[in-house]
């Protein structure tokens, strides 16, 4: 059995287009997608209900940013790993994401191999 199929993932991005791209990449590799959300507020509900192992979140979203979402996940669900994705890849943004507790940072456009490498690293550390 594919080890990645045991990993439960929630995708958070206000862009339907980007959620679709990530969903397709993960599905092709047999990753178990247990939920999606278009906002951080909705993500917190989905996370509480689906208890994922990993949350993949964009930074730039309305209301609550992916950085704030990462902080909330780390405070409330410390066992969940967070991968932050963003078209903003300046060093201070990357450091802010990692400082908020992100396990990894991936710049858009997302490369499938980079995403899978990140998930494999998280999975092997579980």
PDB file of N, CA and C in Angstrom:
ATOM      1  N   UNK A   1       0.848  -1.201   0.000  1.00  0.00           N
ATOM      2  CA  UNK A   1       0.000   0.000   0.000  1.00  0.00           C
ATOM      3  C   UNK A   1       0.883   1.250   0.000  1.00  0.00           C
ATOM      4  N   UNK A   2       0.461   2.205  -0.742  1.00  0.00           N
ATOM      5  CA  UNK A   2       1.166   3.486  -0.843  1.00  0.00           C
ATOM      6  C   UNK A   2       1.115   4.198   0.507  1.00  0.00           C
ATOM      7  N   UNK A   3       2.287   4.512   1.068  1.00  0.00           N
ATOM      8  CA  UNK A   3       2.330   5.198   2.365  1.00  0.00           C
ATOM      9  C   UNK A   3       1.664   6.568   2.318  1.00  0.00           C
ATOM     10  N   UNK A   4       1.705   7.210   1.173  1.00  0.00           N
ATOM     11  CA  UNK A   4       1.119   8.549   1.069  1.00  0.00           C
ATOM     12  C   UNK A   4      -0.401   8.490   1.181  1.00  0.00           C
ATOM     13  N   UNK A   5      -1.004   7.343   0.893  1.00  0.00           N
ATOM     14  CA  UNK A   5      -2.462   7.225   0.985  1.00  0.00           C
ATOM     15  C   UNK A   5      -2.925   7.238   2.436  1.00  0.00           C
ATOM     16  N   UNK A   6      -1.990   7.007   3.357  1.00  0.00           N
ATOM     17  CA  UNK A   6      -2.332   7.044   4.780  1.00  0.00           C
ATOM     18  C   UNK A   6      -2.316   8.468   5.320  1.00  0.00           C
ATOM     19  N   UNK A   7      -1.696   9.369   4.592  1.00  0.00           N
ATOM     20  CA  UNK A   7      -1.582  10.766   5.009  1.00  0.00           C
ATOM     21  C   UNK A   7      -2.870  11.504   4.668  1.00  0.00           C
ATOM     22  N   UNK A   8      -3.515  12.089   5.689  1.00  0.00           N
ATOM     23  CA  UNK A   8      -4.763  12.834   5.456  1.00  0.00           C
ATOM     24  C   UNK A   8      -4.426  14.319   5.292  1.00  0.00           C
ATOM     25  N   UNK A   9      -4.888  14.901   4.171  1.00  0.00           N
ATOM     26  CA  UNK A   9      -4.511  16.272   3.815  1.00  0.00           C
ATOM     27  C   UNK A   9      -5.743  17.153   3.617  1.00  0.00           C
ATOM     28  N   UNK A  10      -5.643  18.395   4.103  1.00  0.00           N
ATOM     29  CA  UNK A  10      -6.647  19.432   3.826  1.00  0.00           C
ATOM     30  C   UNK A  10      -5.963  20.519   3.002  1.00  0.00           C
ATOM     31  N   UNK A  11      -6.643  20.970   1.944  1.00  0.00           N
ATOM     32  CA  UNK A  11      -6.124  22.013   1.054  1.00  0.00           C
ATOM     33  C   UNK A  11      -6.880  23.314   1.339  1.00  0.00           C
ATOM     34  N   UNK A  12      -6.130  24.406   1.580  1.00  0.00           N
ATOM     35  CA  UNK A  12      -6.746  25.700   1.867  1.00  0.00           C
ATOM     36  C   UNK A  12      -6.189  26.754   0.909  1.00  0.00           C
ATOM     37  N   UNK A  13      -7.053  27.282   0.059  1.00  0.00           N
ATOM     38  CA  UNK A  13      -6.657  28.345  -0.870  1.00  0.00           C
ATOM     39  C   UNK A  13      -7.932  29.027  -1.331  1.00  0.00           C
ATOM     40  N   UNK A  14      -7.932  30.348  -1.368  1.00  0.00           N
ATOM     41  CA  UNK A  14      -9.140  31.054  -1.802  1.00  0.00           C
ATOM     42  C   UNK A  14      -9.343  30.953  -3.321  1.00  0.00           C
ATOM     43  N   UNK A  15      -8.353  30.435  -4.021  1.00  0.00           N
ATOM     44  CA  UNK A  15      -8.456  30.250  -5.465  1.00  0.00           C
ATOM     45  C   UNK A  15      -8.915  28.827  -5.788  1.00  0.00           C
ATOM     46  N   UNK A  16     -10.112  28.711  -6.389  1.00  0.00           N
ATOM     47  CA  UNK A  16     -10.605  27.396  -6.826  1.00  0.00           C
ATOM     48  C   UNK A  16      -9.604  26.762  -7.777  1.00  0.00           C
ATOM     49  N   UNK A  17      -9.010  27.592  -8.630  1.00  0.00           N
ATOM     50  CA  UNK A  17      -8.049  27.132  -9.624  1.00  0.00           C
ATOM     51  C   UNK A  17      -6.864  26.453  -8.950  1.00  0.00           C
ATOM     52  N   UNK A  18      -6.275  27.127  -7.947  1.00  0.00           N
ATOM     53  CA  UNK A  18      -5.114  26.555  -7.272  1.00  0.00           C
ATOM     54  C   UNK A  18      -5.466  25.341  -6.431  1.00  0.00           C
ATOM     55  N   UNK A  19      -6.630  25.361  -5.781  1.00  0.00           N
ATOM     56  CA  UNK A  19      -7.054  24.162  -5.035  1.00  0.00           C
ATOM     57  C   UNK A  19      -7.165  22.979  -6.000  1.00  0.00           C
ATOM     58  N   UNK A  20      -7.681  23.249  -7.192  1.00  0.00           N
ATOM     59  CA  UNK A  20      -7.820  22.194  -8.211  1.00  0.00           C
ATOM     60  C   UNK A  20      -6.482  21.636  -8.648  1.00  0.00           C
ATOM     61  N   UNK A  21      -5.498  22.514  -8.838  1.00  0.00           N
ATOM     62  CA  UNK A  21      -4.150  22.076  -9.237  1.00  0.00           C
ATOM     63  C   UNK A  21      -3.556  21.173  -8.149  1.00  0.00           C
ATOM     64  N   UNK A  22      -3.642  21.618  -6.904  1.00  0.00           N
ATOM     65  CA  UNK A  22      -3.082  20.842  -5.795  1.00  0.00           C
ATOM     66  C   UNK A  22      -3.834  19.517  -5.649  1.00  0.00           C
ATOM     67  N   UNK A  23      -5.168  19.571  -5.739  1.00  0.00           N
ATOM     68  CA  UNK A  23      -5.987  18.367  -5.628  1.00  0.00           C
ATOM     69  C   UNK A  23      -5.558  17.332  -6.671  1.00  0.00           C
ATOM     70  N   UNK A  24      -5.352  17.795  -7.908  1.00  0.00           N
ATOM     71  CA  UNK A  24      -4.963  16.893  -9.001  1.00  0.00           C
ATOM     72  C   UNK A  24      -3.585  16.277  -8.725  1.00  0.00           C
ATOM     73  N   UNK A  25      -2.629  17.097  -8.302  1.00  0.00           N
ATOM     74  CA  UNK A  25      -1.282  16.589  -7.995  1.00  0.00           C
ATOM     75  C   UNK A  25      -1.333  15.510  -6.913  1.00  0.00           C
ATOM     76  N   UNK A  26      -2.083  15.788  -5.852  1.00  0.00           N
ATOM     77  CA  UNK A  26      -2.152  14.854  -4.731  1.00  0.00           C
ATOM     78  C   UNK A  26      -2.890  13.576  -5.121  1.00  0.00           C
ATOM     79  N   UNK A  27      -4.000  13.735  -5.845  1.00  0.00           N
ATOM     80  CA  UNK A  27      -4.802  12.580  -6.261  1.00  0.00           C
ATOM     81  C   UNK A  27      -3.980  11.643  -7.150  1.00  0.00           C
ATOM     82  N   UNK A  28      -3.163  12.219  -8.028  1.00  0.00           N
ATOM     83  CA  UNK A  28      -2.318  11.403  -8.914  1.00  0.00           C
ATOM     84  C   UNK A  28      -1.336  10.537  -8.124  1.00  0.00           C
ATOM     85  N   UNK A  29      -0.982  10.985  -6.922  1.00  0.00           N
ATOM     86  CA  UNK A  29      -0.032  10.255  -6.086  1.00  0.00           C
ATOM     87  C   UNK A  29      -0.733   9.426  -5.006  1.00  0.00           C
ATOM     88  N   UNK A  30      -2.054   9.396  -5.049  1.00  0.00           N
ATOM     89  CA  UNK A  30      -2.807   8.585  -4.093  1.00  0.00           C
ATOM     90  C   UNK A  30      -2.918   9.160  -2.698  1.00  0.00           C
ATOM     91  N   UNK A  31      -2.688  10.471  -2.562  1.00  0.00           N
ATOM     92  CA  UNK A  31      -2.790  11.110  -1.250  1.00  0.00           C
ATOM     93  C   UNK A  31      -4.275  11.251  -0.878  1.00  0.00           C
ATOM     94  N   UNK A  32      -4.585  11.008   0.376  1.00  0.00           N
ATOM     95  CA  UNK A  32      -5.957  11.053   0.882  1.00  0.00           C
ATOM     96  C   UNK A  32      -6.349  12.497   1.232  1.00  0.00           C
ATOM     97  N   UNK A  33      -7.125  13.132   0.358  1.00  0.00           N
ATOM     98  CA  UNK A  33      -7.582  14.506   0.596  1.00  0.00           C
ATOM     99  C   UNK A  33      -8.881  14.418   1.392  1.00  0.00           C
ATOM    100  N   UNK A  34      -8.841  14.886   2.637  1.00  0.00           N
ATOM    101  CA  UNK A  34     -10.008  14.749   3.515  1.00  0.00           C
ATOM    102  C   UNK A  34     -10.837  16.022   3.601  1.00  0.00           C
ATOM    103  N   UNK A  35     -10.357  17.099   2.972  1.00  0.00           N
ATOM    104  CA  UNK A  35     -11.139  18.328   2.996  1.00  0.00           C
ATOM    105  C   UNK A  35     -10.463  19.451   2.242  1.00  0.00           C
ATOM    106  N   UNK A  36     -11.282  20.462   1.920  1.00  0.00           N
ATOM    107  CA  UNK A  36     -10.798  21.669   1.254  1.00  0.00           C
ATOM    108  C   UNK A  36     -11.535  22.859   1.837  1.00  0.00           C
ATOM    109  N   UNK A  37     -10.900  24.021   1.761  1.00  0.00           N
ATOM    110  CA  UNK A  37     -11.536  25.243   2.234  1.00  0.00           C
ATOM    111  C   UNK A  37     -11.028  26.424   1.419  1.00  0.00           C
ATOM    112  N   UNK A  38     -11.896  27.416   1.242  1.00  0.00           N
ATOM    113  CA  UNK A  38     -11.543  28.612   0.482  1.00  0.00           C
ATOM    114  C   UNK A  38     -11.139  29.772   1.396  1.00  0.00           C
ATOM    115  N   UNK A  39     -11.225  29.556   2.722  1.00  0.00           N
ATOM    116  CA  UNK A  39     -10.832  30.610   3.667  1.00  0.00           C
ATOM    117  C   UNK A  39     -10.276  29.950   4.926  1.00  0.00           C
ATOM    118  N   UNK A  40      -9.540  30.738   5.697  1.00  0.00           N
ATOM    119  CA  UNK A  40      -8.972  30.225   6.941  1.00  0.00           C
ATOM    120  C   UNK A  40     -10.077  29.860   7.928  1.00  0.00           C
ATOM    121  N   UNK A  41     -11.135  30.664   7.981  1.00  0.00           N
ATOM    122  CA  UNK A  41     -12.244  30.393   8.901  1.00  0.00           C
ATOM    123  C   UNK A  41     -12.861  29.043   8.580  1.00  0.00           C
ATOM    124  N   UNK A  42     -13.150  28.810   7.302  1.00  0.00           N
ATOM    125  CA  UNK A  42     -13.733  27.528   6.880  1.00  0.00           C
ATOM    126  C   UNK A  42     -12.745  26.395   7.132  1.00  0.00           C
ATOM    127  N   UNK A  43     -11.458  26.674   6.941  1.00  0.00           N
ATOM    128  CA  UNK A  43     -10.430  25.653   7.140  1.00  0.00           C
ATOM    129  C   UNK A  43     -10.432  25.153   8.573  1.00  0.00           C
ATOM    130  N   UNK A  44     -10.583  26.045   9.538  1.00  0.00           N
ATOM    131  CA  UNK A  44     -10.557  25.631  10.940  1.00  0.00           C
ATOM    132  C   UNK A  44     -11.692  24.656  11.251  1.00  0.00           C
ATOM    133  N   UNK A  45     -12.853  24.867  10.639  1.00  0.00           N
ATOM    134  CA  UNK A  45     -13.987  23.951  10.806  1.00  0.00           C
ATOM    135  C   UNK A  45     -13.673  22.600  10.156  1.00  0.00           C
ATOM    136  N   UNK A  46     -13.162  22.647   8.921  1.00  0.00           N
ATOM    137  CA  UNK A  46     -12.813  21.422   8.196  1.00  0.00           C
ATOM    138  C   UNK A  46     -11.745  20.632   8.962  1.00  0.00           C
ATOM    139  N   UNK A  47     -10.752  21.331   9.494  1.00  0.00           N
ATOM    140  CA  UNK A  47      -9.667  20.691  10.240  1.00  0.00           C
ATOM    141  C   UNK A  47     -10.213  20.006  11.491  1.00  0.00           C
ATOM    142  N   UNK A  48     -11.083  20.705  12.208  1.00  0.00           N
ATOM    143  CA  UNK A  48     -11.668  20.142  13.430  1.00  0.00           C
ATOM    144  C   UNK A  48     -12.458  18.875  13.107  1.00  0.00           C
ATOM    145  N   UNK A  49     -13.191  18.903  12.001  1.00  0.00           N
ATOM    146  CA  UNK A  49     -14.042  17.771  11.618  1.00  0.00           C
ATOM    147  C   UNK A  49     -13.257  16.601  11.012  1.00  0.00           C
ATOM    148  N   UNK A  50     -12.226  16.912  10.216  1.00  0.00           N
ATOM    149  CA  UNK A  50     -11.553  15.853   9.448  1.00  0.00           C
ATOM    150  C   UNK A  50     -10.244  15.360  10.062  1.00  0.00           C
ATOM    151  N   UNK A  51      -9.725  16.093  11.053  1.00  0.00           N
ATOM    152  CA  UNK A  51      -8.484  15.719  11.739  1.00  0.00           C
ATOM    153  C   UNK A  51      -7.376  15.264  10.774  1.00  0.00           C
ATOM    154  N   UNK A  52      -6.919  16.170   9.910  1.00  0.00           N
ATOM    155  CA  UNK A  52      -5.873  15.799   8.939  1.00  0.00           C
ATOM    156  C   UNK A  52      -4.502  15.690   9.599  1.00  0.00           C
ATOM    157  N   UNK A  53      -3.570  15.102   8.849  1.00  0.00           N
ATOM    158  CA  UNK A  53      -2.177  15.053   9.283  1.00  0.00           C
ATOM    159  C   UNK A  53      -1.434  16.294   8.803  1.00  0.00           C
ATOM    160  N   UNK A  54      -1.876  16.801   7.631  1.00  0.00           N
ATOM    161  CA  UNK A  54      -1.197  17.927   6.984  1.00  0.00           C
ATOM    162  C   UNK A  54      -2.239  18.905   6.433  1.00  0.00           C
ATOM    163  N   UNK A  55      -1.945  20.204   6.601  1.00  0.00           N
ATOM    164  CA  UNK A  55      -2.732  21.253   5.957  1.00  0.00           C
ATOM    165  C   UNK A  55      -1.808  21.972   4.990  1.00  0.00           C
ATOM    166  N   UNK A  56      -2.258  22.104   3.744  1.00  0.00           N
ATOM    167  CA  UNK A  56      -1.525  22.873   2.736  1.00  0.00           C
ATOM    168  C   UNK A  56      -2.297  24.168   2.570  1.00  0.00           C
ATOM    169  N   UNK A  57      -1.673  25.304   2.891  1.00  0.00           N
ATOM    170  CA  UNK A  57      -2.399  26.574   2.845  1.00  0.00           C
ATOM    171  C   UNK A  57      -1.647  27.659   2.083  1.00  0.00           C
ATOM    172  N   UNK A  58      -2.432  28.473   1.394  1.00  0.00           N
ATOM    173  CA  UNK A  58      -1.907  29.674   0.747  1.00  0.00           C
ATOM    174  C   UNK A  58      -1.704  30.727   1.837  1.00  0.00           C
ATOM    175  N   UNK A  59      -0.901  31.742   1.563  1.00  0.00           N
ATOM    176  CA  UNK A  59      -0.734  32.838   2.532  1.00  0.00           C
ATOM    177  C   UNK A  59      -1.798  33.906   2.323  1.00  0.00           C
ATOM    178  N   UNK A  60      -1.935  34.379   1.086  1.00  0.00           N
ATOM    179  CA  UNK A  60      -2.806  35.522   0.818  1.00  0.00           C
ATOM    180  C   UNK A  60      -4.249  35.054   0.643  1.00  0.00           C
ATOM    181  N   UNK A  61      -5.060  35.336   1.684  1.00  0.00           N
ATOM    182  CA  UNK A  61      -6.483  35.000   1.656  1.00  0.00           C
ATOM    183  C   UNK A  61      -7.242  36.113   2.359  1.00  0.00           C
ATOM    184  N   UNK A  62      -8.540  36.246   2.047  1.00  0.00           N
ATOM    185  CA  UNK A  62      -9.326  37.288   2.709  1.00  0.00           C
ATOM    186  C   UNK A  62      -9.472  36.984   4.204  1.00  0.00           C
ATOM    187  N   UNK A  63      -9.677  38.026   4.983  1.00  0.00           N
ATOM    188  CA  UNK A  63      -9.915  37.917   6.431  1.00  0.00           C
ATOM    189  C   UNK A  63      -8.668  37.471   7.194  1.00  0.00           C
ATOM    190  N   UNK A  64      -8.391  36.182   7.203  1.00  0.00           N
ATOM    191  CA  UNK A  64      -7.261  35.645   7.970  1.00  0.00           C
ATOM    192  C   UNK A  64      -6.235  35.080   6.994  1.00  0.00           C
ATOM    193  N   UNK A  65      -4.964  35.482   7.168  1.00  0.00           N
ATOM    194  CA  UNK A  65      -3.909  35.011   6.257  1.00  0.00           C
ATOM    195  C   UNK A  65      -3.505  33.575   6.589  1.00  0.00           C
ATOM    196  N   UNK A  66      -2.795  32.967   5.661  1.00  0.00           N
ATOM    197  CA  UNK A  66      -2.264  31.628   5.885  1.00  0.00           C
ATOM    198  C   UNK A  66      -1.269  31.578   7.031  1.00  0.00           C
ATOM    199  N   UNK A  67      -0.575  32.702   7.274  1.00  0.00           N
ATOM    200  CA  UNK A  67       0.367  32.772   8.404  1.00  0.00           C
ATOM    201  C   UNK A  67      -0.420  32.684   9.715  1.00  0.00           C
ATOM    202  N   UNK A  68      -1.493  33.479   9.821  1.00  0.00           N
ATOM    203  CA  UNK A  68      -2.328  33.437  11.030  1.00  0.00           C
ATOM    204  C   UNK A  68      -2.978  32.061  11.192  1.00  0.00           C
ATOM    205  N   UNK A  69      -3.413  31.471  10.072  1.00  0.00           N
ATOM    206  CA  UNK A  69      -4.006  30.134  10.114  1.00  0.00           C
ATOM    207  C   UNK A  69      -2.980  29.128  10.644  1.00  0.00           C
ATOM    208  N   UNK A  70      -1.744  29.227  10.174  1.00  0.00           N
ATOM    209  CA  UNK A  70      -0.674  28.334  10.632  1.00  0.00           C
ATOM    210  C   UNK A  70      -0.498  28.458  12.146  1.00  0.00           C
ATOM    211  N   UNK A  71      -0.504  29.701  12.653  1.00  0.00           N
ATOM    212  CA  UNK A  71      -0.370  29.923  14.103  1.00  0.00           C
ATOM    213  C   UNK A  71      -1.524  29.272  14.857  1.00  0.00           C
ATOM    214  N   UNK A  72      -2.761  29.450  14.336  1.00  0.00           N
ATOM    215  CA  UNK A  72      -3.946  28.879  14.995  1.00  0.00           C
ATOM    216  C   UNK A  72      -3.891  27.346  14.985  1.00  0.00           C
ATOM    217  N   UNK A  73      -3.450  26.771  13.875  1.00  0.00           N
ATOM    218  CA  UNK A  73      -3.332  25.308  13.791  1.00  0.00           C
ATOM    219  C   UNK A  73      -2.321  24.819  14.825  1.00  0.00           C
ATOM    220  N   UNK A  74      -1.174  25.496  14.910  1.00  0.00           N
ATOM    221  CA  UNK A  74      -0.144  25.075  15.865  1.00  0.00           C
ATOM    222  C   UNK A  74      -0.603  25.208  17.313  1.00  0.00           C
ATOM    223  N   UNK A  75      -1.419  26.221  17.594  1.00  0.00           N
ATOM    224  CA  UNK A  75      -1.922  26.410  18.958  1.00  0.00           C
ATOM    225  C   UNK A  75      -2.979  25.360  19.310  1.00  0.00           C
ATOM    226  N   UNK A  76      -3.883  25.090  18.363  1.00  0.00           N
ATOM    227  CA  UNK A  76      -5.042  24.251  18.645  1.00  0.00           C
ATOM    228  C   UNK A  76      -4.894  22.784  18.227  1.00  0.00           C
ATOM    229  N   UNK A  77      -4.043  22.541  17.248  1.00  0.00           N
ATOM    230  CA  UNK A  77      -3.863  21.180  16.720  1.00  0.00           C
ATOM    231  C   UNK A  77      -2.364  20.929  16.517  1.00  0.00           C
ATOM    232  N   UNK A  78      -1.606  20.829  17.599  1.00  0.00           N
ATOM    233  CA  UNK A  78      -0.139  20.754  17.480  1.00  0.00           C
ATOM    234  C   UNK A  78       0.391  19.550  16.704  1.00  0.00           C
ATOM    235  N   UNK A  79      -0.427  18.517  16.524  1.00  0.00           N
ATOM    236  CA  UNK A  79       0.031  17.329  15.796  1.00  0.00           C
ATOM    237  C   UNK A  79      -0.102  17.476  14.284  1.00  0.00           C
ATOM    238  N   UNK A  80      -0.727  18.553  13.821  1.00  0.00           N
ATOM    239  CA  UNK A  80      -0.930  18.751  12.382  1.00  0.00           C
ATOM    240  C   UNK A  80       0.228  19.559  11.797  1.00  0.00           C
ATOM    241  N   UNK A  81       0.800  19.043  10.718  1.00  0.00           N
ATOM    242  CA  UNK A  81       1.866  19.766  10.012  1.00  0.00           C
ATOM    243  C   UNK A  81       1.243  20.712   8.997  1.00  0.00           C
ATOM    244  N   UNK A  82       1.916  21.836   8.751  1.00  0.00           N
ATOM    245  CA  UNK A  82       1.419  22.819   7.797  1.00  0.00           C
ATOM    246  C   UNK A  82       2.473  23.082   6.725  1.00  0.00           C
ATOM    247  N   UNK A  83       2.033  23.010   5.461  1.00  0.00           N
ATOM    248  CA  UNK A  83       2.876  23.418   4.345  1.00  0.00           C
ATOM    249  C   UNK A  83       2.276  24.711   3.814  1.00  0.00           C
ATOM    250  N   UNK A  84       3.058  25.771   3.816  1.00  0.00           N
ATOM    251  CA  UNK A  84       2.597  27.066   3.310  1.00  0.00           C
ATOM    252  C   UNK A  84       3.029  27.203   1.857  1.00  0.00           C
ATOM    253  N   UNK A  85       2.075  27.605   1.017  1.00  0.00           N
ATOM    254  CA  UNK A  85       2.381  27.868  -0.391  1.00  0.00           C
ATOM    255  C   UNK A  85       2.056  29.321  -0.677  1.00  0.00           C
ATOM    256  N   UNK A  86       2.841  29.946  -1.536  1.00  0.00           N
ATOM    257  CA  UNK A  86       2.560  31.338  -1.860  1.00  0.00           C
ATOM    258  C   UNK A  86       3.342  31.800  -3.064  1.00  0.00           C
ATOM    259  N   UNK A  87       2.755  32.762  -3.764  1.00  0.00           N
ATOM    260  CA  UNK A  87       3.493  33.419  -4.845  1.00  0.00           C
ATOM    261  C   UNK A  87       4.428  34.467  -4.245  1.00  0.00           C
ATOM    262  N   UNK A  88       4.226  34.794  -2.963  1.00  0.00           N
ATOM    263  CA  UNK A  88       5.134  35.698  -2.250  1.00  0.00           C
ATOM    264  C   UNK A  88       6.246  34.846  -1.666  1.00  0.00           C
ATOM    265  N   UNK A  89       7.440  34.952  -2.222  1.00  0.00           N
ATOM    266  CA  UNK A  89       8.508  34.078  -1.704  1.00  0.00           C
ATOM    267  C   UNK A  89       9.718  34.871  -1.220  1.00  0.00           C
ATOM    268  N   UNK A  90       9.509  36.149  -0.870  1.00  0.00           N
ATOM    269  CA  UNK A  90      10.608  36.917  -0.299  1.00  0.00           C
ATOM    270  C   UNK A  90      11.031  36.264   1.013  1.00  0.00           C
ATOM    271  N   UNK A  91      12.303  36.406   1.336  1.00  0.00           N
ATOM    272  CA  UNK A  91      12.856  35.717   2.504  1.00  0.00           C
ATOM    273  C   UNK A  91      12.074  36.004   3.784  1.00  0.00           C
ATOM    274  N   UNK A  92      11.666  37.260   4.007  1.00  0.00           N
ATOM    275  CA  UNK A  92      10.973  37.581   5.259  1.00  0.00           C
ATOM    276  C   UNK A  92       9.616  36.883   5.348  1.00  0.00           C
ATOM    277  N   UNK A  93       8.969  36.646   4.210  1.00  0.00           N
ATOM    278  CA  UNK A  93       7.683  35.929   4.193  1.00  0.00           C
ATOM    279  C   UNK A  93       7.922  34.454   4.538  1.00  0.00           C
ATOM    280  N   UNK A  94       8.943  33.878   3.949  1.00  0.00           N
ATOM    281  CA  UNK A  94       9.291  32.476   4.225  1.00  0.00           C
ATOM    282  C   UNK A  94       9.610  32.324   5.715  1.00  0.00           C
ATOM    283  N   UNK A  95      10.416  33.225   6.250  1.00  0.00           N
ATOM    284  CA  UNK A  95      10.795  33.171   7.663  1.00  0.00           C
ATOM    285  C   UNK A  95       9.585  33.359   8.572  1.00  0.00           C
ATOM    286  N   UNK A  96       8.660  34.234   8.173  1.00  0.00           N
ATOM    287  CA  UNK A  96       7.442  34.456   8.949  1.00  0.00           C
ATOM    288  C   UNK A  96       6.598  33.174   8.981  1.00  0.00           C
ATOM    289  N   UNK A  97       6.488  32.502   7.834  1.00  0.00           N
ATOM    290  CA  UNK A  97       5.717  31.253   7.752  1.00  0.00           C
ATOM    291  C   UNK A  97       6.340  30.175   8.638  1.00  0.00           C
ATOM    292  N   UNK A  98       7.661  30.030   8.555  1.00  0.00           N
ATOM    293  CA  UNK A  98       8.356  29.028   9.366  1.00  0.00           C
ATOM    294  C   UNK A  98       8.252  29.401  10.848  1.00  0.00           C
ATOM    295  N   UNK A  99       8.370  30.696  11.135  1.00  0.00           N
ATOM    296  CA  UNK A  99       8.244  31.177  12.512  1.00  0.00           C
ATOM    297  C   UNK A  99       6.859  30.922  13.092  1.00  0.00           C
ATOM    298  N   UNK A 100       5.848  30.921  12.227  1.00  0.00           N
ATOM    299  CA  UNK A 100       4.475  30.657  12.670  1.00  0.00           C
ATOM    300  C   UNK A 100       4.249  29.169  12.904  1.00  0.00           C
ATOM    301  N   UNK A 101       5.239  28.360  12.496  1.00  0.00           N
ATOM    302  CA  UNK A 101       5.144  26.934  12.743  1.00  0.00           C
ATOM    303  C   UNK A 101       4.997  26.066  11.511  1.00  0.00           C
ATOM    304  N   UNK A 102       5.131  26.657  10.333  1.00  0.00           N
ATOM    305  CA  UNK A 102       5.022  25.860   9.108  1.00  0.00           C
ATOM    306  C   UNK A 102       6.161  24.853   9.029  1.00  0.00           C
ATOM    307  N   UNK A 103       5.836  23.654   8.552  1.00  0.00           N
ATOM    308  CA  UNK A 103       6.851  22.615   8.368  1.00  0.00           C
ATOM    309  C   UNK A 103       7.671  22.878   7.115  1.00  0.00           C
ATOM    310  N   UNK A 104       7.037  23.540   6.134  1.00  0.00           N
ATOM    311  CA  UNK A 104       7.717  23.792   4.863  1.00  0.00           C
ATOM    312  C   UNK A 104       7.063  24.975   4.164  1.00  0.00           C
ATOM    313  N   UNK A 105       7.780  25.534   3.202  1.00  0.00           N
ATOM    314  CA  UNK A 105       7.289  26.649   2.391  1.00  0.00           C
ATOM    315  C   UNK A 105       7.558  26.298   0.939  1.00  0.00           C
ATOM    316  N   UNK A 106       6.530  26.403   0.106  1.00  0.00           N
ATOM    317  CA  UNK A 106       6.678  26.118  -1.321  1.00  0.00           C
ATOM    318  C   UNK A 106       6.183  27.319  -2.112  1.00  0.00           C
ATOM    319  N   UNK A 107       7.036  27.813  -2.993  1.00  0.00           N
ATOM    320  CA  UNK A 107       6.662  28.967  -3.820  1.00  0.00           C
ATOM    321  C   UNK A 107       5.804  28.514  -5.005  1.00  0.00           C
ATOM    322  N   UNK A 108       4.813  29.350  -5.340  1.00  0.00           N
ATOM    323  CA  UNK A 108       4.027  29.120  -6.555  1.00  0.00           C
ATOM    324  C   UNK A 108       4.848  29.612  -7.735  1.00  0.00           C
ATOM    325  N   UNK A 109       4.735  29.056  -8.920  1.00  0.00           N
ATOM    326  CA  UNK A 109       3.904  27.900  -9.242  1.00  0.00           C
ATOM    327  C   UNK A 109       4.455  26.632  -8.608  1.00  0.00           C
ATOM    328  N   UNK A 110       3.566  25.842  -8.054  1.00  0.00           N
ATOM    329  CA  UNK A 110       3.945  24.630  -7.331  1.00  0.00           C
ATOM    330  C   UNK A 110       4.458  23.568  -8.295  1.00  0.00           C
ATOM    331  N   UNK A 111       5.574  22.984  -7.922  1.00  0.00           N
ATOM    332  CA  UNK A 111       6.113  21.845  -8.665  1.00  0.00           C
ATOM    333  C   UNK A 111       5.670  20.587  -7.930  1.00  0.00           C
ATOM    334  N   UNK A 112       5.075  19.658  -8.649  1.00  0.00           N
ATOM    335  CA  UNK A 112       4.543  18.440  -8.029  1.00  0.00           C
ATOM    336  C   UNK A 112       5.610  17.703  -7.219  1.00  0.00           C
ATOM    337  N   UNK A 113       6.811  17.570  -7.770  1.00  0.00           N
ATOM    338  CA  UNK A 113       7.853  16.818  -7.060  1.00  0.00           C
ATOM    339  C   UNK A 113       8.215  17.494  -5.744  1.00  0.00           C
ATOM    340  N   UNK A 114       8.270  18.805  -5.737  1.00  0.00           N
ATOM    341  CA  UNK A 114       8.588  19.542  -4.513  1.00  0.00           C
ATOM    342  C   UNK A 114       7.502  19.311  -3.452  1.00  0.00           C
ATOM    343  N   UNK A 115       6.242  19.335  -3.887  1.00  0.00           N
ATOM    344  CA  UNK A 115       5.127  19.103  -2.967  1.00  0.00           C
ATOM    345  C   UNK A 115       5.186  17.687  -2.400  1.00  0.00           C
ATOM    346  N   UNK A 116       5.435  16.706  -3.252  1.00  0.00           N
ATOM    347  CA  UNK A 116       5.498  15.316  -2.802  1.00  0.00           C
ATOM    348  C   UNK A 116       6.710  15.086  -1.882  1.00  0.00           C
ATOM    349  N   UNK A 117       7.834  15.716  -2.197  1.00  0.00           N
ATOM    350  CA  UNK A 117       9.020  15.607  -1.333  1.00  0.00           C
ATOM    351  C   UNK A 117       8.706  16.150   0.059  1.00  0.00           C
ATOM    352  N   UNK A 118       7.998  17.267   0.105  1.00  0.00           N
ATOM    353  CA  UNK A 118       7.639  17.883   1.375  1.00  0.00           C
ATOM    354  C   UNK A 118       6.718  16.966   2.178  1.00  0.00           C
ATOM    355  N   UNK A 119       5.726  16.383   1.509  1.00  0.00           N
ATOM    356  CA  UNK A 119       4.802  15.467   2.186  1.00  0.00           C
ATOM    357  C   UNK A 119       5.524  14.206   2.668  1.00  0.00           C
ATOM    358  N   UNK A 120       6.441  13.701   1.840  1.00  0.00           N
ATOM    359  CA  UNK A 120       7.197  12.506   2.241  1.00  0.00           C
ATOM    360  C   UNK A 120       8.063  12.773   3.460  1.00  0.00           C
ATOM    361  N   UNK A 121       8.664  13.970   3.501  1.00  0.00           N
ATOM    362  CA  UNK A 121       9.493  14.357   4.649  1.00  0.00           C
ATOM    363  C   UNK A 121       8.639  14.419   5.922  1.00  0.00           C
ATOM    364  N   UNK A 122       7.468  15.028   5.811  1.00  0.00           N
ATOM    365  CA  UNK A 122       6.553  15.121   6.963  1.00  0.00           C
ATOM    366  C   UNK A 122       6.117  13.717   7.379  1.00  0.00           C
ATOM    367  N   UNK A 123       5.776  12.895   6.395  1.00  0.00           N
ATOM    368  CA  UNK A 123       5.297  11.534   6.683  1.00  0.00           C
ATOM    369  C   UNK A 123       6.371  10.696   7.373  1.00  0.00           C
ATOM    370  N   UNK A 124       7.619  10.851   6.957  1.00  0.00           N
ATOM    371  CA  UNK A 124       8.702  10.056   7.551  1.00  0.00           C
ATOM    372  C   UNK A 124       9.036  10.518   8.968  1.00  0.00           C
ATOM    373  N   UNK A 125       8.660  11.760   9.314  1.00  0.00           N
ATOM    374  CA  UNK A 125       8.919  12.284  10.665  1.00  0.00           C
ATOM    375  C   UNK A 125       7.771  12.034  11.629  1.00  0.00           C
ATOM    376  N   UNK A 126       6.724  11.379  11.157  1.00  0.00           N
ATOM    377  CA  UNK A 126       5.545  11.150  12.004  1.00  0.00           C
ATOM    378  C   UNK A 126       5.773  10.029  12.991  1.00  0.00           C
TER     379      UNK A 126
END
